[in-house]
Amino acid sequence: RAALAGMETMMAYGLMQVILPTAAAYAKPLKLPSDPHALTQPEINIPIGTALAPFGLRAVIRSRRRRYAARIDGCAAELALALASSLAAGRSVRGALLTAGVATPEPLAGELDLAAVDLTLGGGIGDALAALRSRTNSARIESLAGAIELHRGSGGDLVRLMRELADAFRARDRAI
């Protein structure tokens, strides 16, 4: 019995599957009981569970954004190489961004298609990159976009920089 005493706090109760510590925190402002028996009653369990729903939804959204960013990061080396190839072939940064989606796997290809729409409709490179950064929430896209912005401001060998970034991304993937 003593070994099971701590397990009571880990059990989820009722329709909304709330656990005791969480139920206790949310039941008090609602002036509801939070003991195990009370949590099995729908008139107690549902209001507490409903109060928790926004926090659960926020956690799900954060988790999905992290997974999406990881998938985007997994495609970033291909994007860097596609940009390097386009630039080496004589395309401008704008032209390289417009064609990069063809050589890049999903989900990044879809994001690049949206950037291409922005550019085609007359948007600037900076705005298209800012939107891409915002949508992807990816550290690697941040690095690529930052490199492009830096190059636009100061010049340099962007082809080499894109290739070096691709090598760094791949090396990091191998190390993980």
Protein backbone atom coordinates (compact mmCIF):
# COMPACT_ATOMS: atom_id res chain seq x y z
CA ARG A 1 0.00 0.00 0.00
CA ALA A 2 2.83 2.43 0.85
CA ALA A 3 4.44 1.81 -2.55
CA LEU A 4 1.17 2.71 -4.28
CA ALA A 5 0.63 5.95 -2.34
CA GLY A 6 2.74 8.02 -4.73
CA MET A 7 1.04 6.51 -7.76
CA GLU A 8 -2.23 8.25 -6.89
CA THR A 9 -0.86 11.60 -8.10
CA MET A 10 0.10 10.07 -11.46
CA MET A 11 -3.34 8.63 -12.21
CA ALA A 12 -5.65 10.54 -14.52
CA TYR A 13 -9.29 10.81 -13.48
CA GLY A 14 -12.59 11.18 -15.28
CA LEU A 15 -13.61 12.04 -18.80
CA MET A 16 -11.07 14.85 -19.13
CA GLN A 17 -8.24 12.70 -17.71
CA VAL A 18 -6.87 15.23 -15.22
CA ILE A 19 -4.18 14.34 -12.69
CA LEU A 20 -4.36 15.35 -9.03
CA PRO A 21 -1.67 18.09 -8.91
CA THR A 22 -3.09 19.83 -11.96
CA ALA A 23 -6.68 19.38 -10.81
CA ALA A 24 -5.83 20.88 -7.42
CA ALA A 25 -4.33 23.97 -9.06
CA TYR A 26 -7.31 24.58 -11.35
CA ALA A 27 -10.12 23.46 -9.04
CA LYS A 28 -9.39 26.07 -6.38
CA PRO A 29 -10.21 29.18 -8.51
CA LEU A 30 -13.31 27.35 -9.78
CA LYS A 31 -14.28 26.56 -6.17
CA LEU A 32 -14.47 22.85 -6.95
CA PRO A 33 -13.15 19.86 -5.01
CA SER A 34 -10.10 18.07 -6.40
CA ASP A 35 -9.98 14.78 -4.51
CA PRO A 36 -9.85 11.54 -6.55
CA HIS A 37 -13.53 10.71 -5.96
CA ALA A 38 -14.72 14.18 -6.99
CA LEU A 39 -12.62 14.06 -10.16
CA THR A 40 -14.58 11.01 -11.35
CA GLN A 41 -17.80 13.06 -11.37
CA PRO A 42 -18.49 14.76 -14.73
CA GLU A 43 -19.84 17.95 -13.12
CA ILE A 44 -16.44 18.40 -11.43
CA ASN A 45 -14.11 16.85 -14.00
CA ILE A 46 -15.39 18.62 -17.12
CA PRO A 47 -15.06 22.23 -15.86
CA ILE A 48 -11.53 21.52 -14.60
CA GLY A 49 -10.56 19.78 -17.85
CA THR A 50 -12.08 22.59 -19.91
CA ALA A 51 -10.04 25.15 -17.97
CA LEU A 52 -6.92 23.17 -18.92
CA ALA A 53 -7.75 22.90 -22.64
CA PRO A 54 -6.01 26.11 -23.80
CA PHE A 55 -2.78 25.00 -22.11
CA GLY A 56 -2.97 21.59 -23.74
CA LEU A 57 -3.63 23.17 -27.12
CA ARG A 58 -0.70 25.52 -26.67
CA ALA A 59 1.56 22.56 -25.87
CA VAL A 60 0.37 20.70 -28.97
CA ILE A 61 1.00 23.74 -31.18
CA ARG A 62 4.49 24.24 -29.72
CA SER A 63 5.30 20.58 -30.27
CA ARG A 64 4.11 20.69 -33.88
CA ARG A 65 6.09 23.86 -34.58
CA ARG A 66 9.25 22.22 -33.18
CA ARG A 67 8.73 19.12 -35.33
CA TYR A 68 8.04 21.27 -38.40
CA ALA A 69 11.18 23.33 -37.78
CA ALA A 70 13.18 20.10 -37.46
CA ARG A 71 11.81 18.89 -40.82
CA ILE A 72 12.69 22.25 -42.38
CA ASP A 73 16.18 22.03 -40.87
CA GLY A 74 16.55 18.59 -42.46
CA CYS A 75 16.09 20.17 -45.91
CA ALA A 76 18.29 23.22 -45.36
CA ALA A 77 21.48 21.66 -46.82
CA GLU A 78 19.64 20.92 -50.08
CA LEU A 79 18.40 24.51 -50.16
CA ALA A 80 21.89 25.89 -49.59
CA LEU A 81 23.25 23.74 -52.44
CA ALA A 82 20.36 24.69 -54.75
CA LEU A 83 21.02 28.37 -54.07
CA ALA A 84 24.76 27.89 -54.61
CA SER A 85 24.16 26.11 -57.93
CA SER A 86 21.76 28.78 -59.17
CA LEU A 87 24.09 31.58 -58.14
CA ALA A 88 27.08 29.83 -59.73
CA ALA A 89 25.07 29.52 -62.95
CA GLY A 90 24.73 33.30 -63.02
CA ARG A 91 21.31 33.84 -61.47
CA SER A 92 20.69 36.70 -59.10
CA VAL A 93 19.71 36.04 -55.50
CA ARG A 94 16.11 36.74 -56.51
CA GLY A 95 16.36 34.26 -59.40
CA ALA A 96 18.00 31.65 -57.18
CA LEU A 97 15.23 31.97 -54.61
CA LEU A 98 12.58 31.70 -57.34
CA THR A 99 13.98 28.40 -58.61
CA ALA A 100 15.25 26.82 -55.37
CA GLY A 101 11.95 25.12 -54.54
CA VAL A 102 12.33 22.75 -57.49
CA ALA A 103 15.51 21.20 -56.05
CA THR A 104 14.41 21.20 -52.41
CA PRO A 105 12.32 18.50 -50.70
CA GLU A 106 9.07 19.12 -48.83
CA PRO A 107 8.13 20.78 -46.57
CA LEU A 108 10.73 23.40 -47.45
CA ALA A 109 9.76 23.33 -51.14
CA GLY A 110 6.28 24.53 -50.21
CA GLU A 111 7.70 27.33 -48.10
CA LEU A 112 9.95 28.38 -50.98
CA ASP A 113 6.93 28.38 -53.29
CA LEU A 114 5.30 30.89 -50.96
CA ALA A 115 8.47 33.00 -51.01
CA ALA A 116 8.44 32.80 -54.82
CA VAL A 117 4.87 34.09 -54.86
CA ASP A 118 5.93 37.02 -52.68
CA LEU A 119 8.83 37.78 -55.03
CA THR A 120 6.73 37.36 -58.17
CA LEU A 121 4.14 39.78 -56.84
CA GLY A 122 6.83 42.42 -56.45
CA GLY A 123 7.91 41.84 -52.87
CA GLY A 124 11.50 42.47 -51.94
CA ILE A 125 14.06 39.80 -51.10
CA GLY A 126 14.28 41.03 -47.51
CA ASP A 127 10.52 40.76 -47.04
CA ALA A 128 10.38 37.29 -48.62
CA LEU A 129 13.22 36.09 -46.39
CA ALA A 130 11.61 37.62 -43.28
CA ALA A 131 8.34 35.83 -44.06
CA LEU A 132 10.22 32.57 -44.68
CA ARG A 133 12.02 32.94 -41.35
CA SER A 134 8.78 33.61 -39.54
CA ARG A 135 6.86 30.72 -41.09
CA THR A 136 9.56 28.09 -40.62
CA ASN A 137 10.93 29.01 -37.18
CA SER A 138 14.11 27.23 -38.27
CA ALA A 139 17.60 28.02 -37.02
CA ARG A 140 19.10 26.87 -40.33
CA ILE A 141 16.79 29.02 -42.42
CA GLU A 142 17.73 31.86 -40.10
CA SER A 143 21.39 31.17 -40.92
CA LEU A 144 20.78 31.01 -44.67
CA ALA A 145 18.63 34.13 -44.70
CA GLY A 146 21.14 35.96 -42.52
CA ALA A 147 23.96 35.00 -44.90
CA ILE A 148 21.97 36.30 -47.89
CA GLU A 149 21.15 39.55 -46.09
CA LEU A 150 24.79 39.98 -45.04
CA HIS A 151 25.94 39.37 -48.61
CA ARG A 152 23.46 41.90 -49.95
CA GLY A 153 24.88 44.48 -47.58
CA SER A 154 28.59 43.77 -47.86
CA GLY A 155 29.24 41.51 -50.86
CA GLY A 156 31.52 38.51 -50.87
CA ASP A 157 31.39 35.00 -52.26
CA LEU A 158 27.82 33.91 -51.59
CA VAL A 159 28.22 30.69 -53.60
CA ARG A 160 31.06 29.55 -51.35
CA LEU A 161 29.19 30.61 -48.23
CA MET A 162 26.09 28.60 -49.26
CA ARG A 163 28.25 25.54 -49.91
CA GLU A 164 29.99 25.93 -46.55
CA LEU A 165 26.63 26.22 -44.80
CA ALA A 166 25.42 23.06 -46.57
CA ASP A 167 28.57 21.24 -45.43
CA ALA A 168 28.09 22.49 -41.86
CA PHE A 169 24.42 21.40 -41.82
CA ARG A 170 25.34 17.94 -43.10
CA ALA A 171 28.18 17.59 -40.61
CA ARG A 172 25.82 18.52 -37.80
CA ASP A 173 23.28 15.95 -39.02
CA ARG A 174 25.97 13.25 -39.06
CA ALA A 175 27.06 14.18 -35.54
CA ILE A 176 23.54 13.88 -34.13
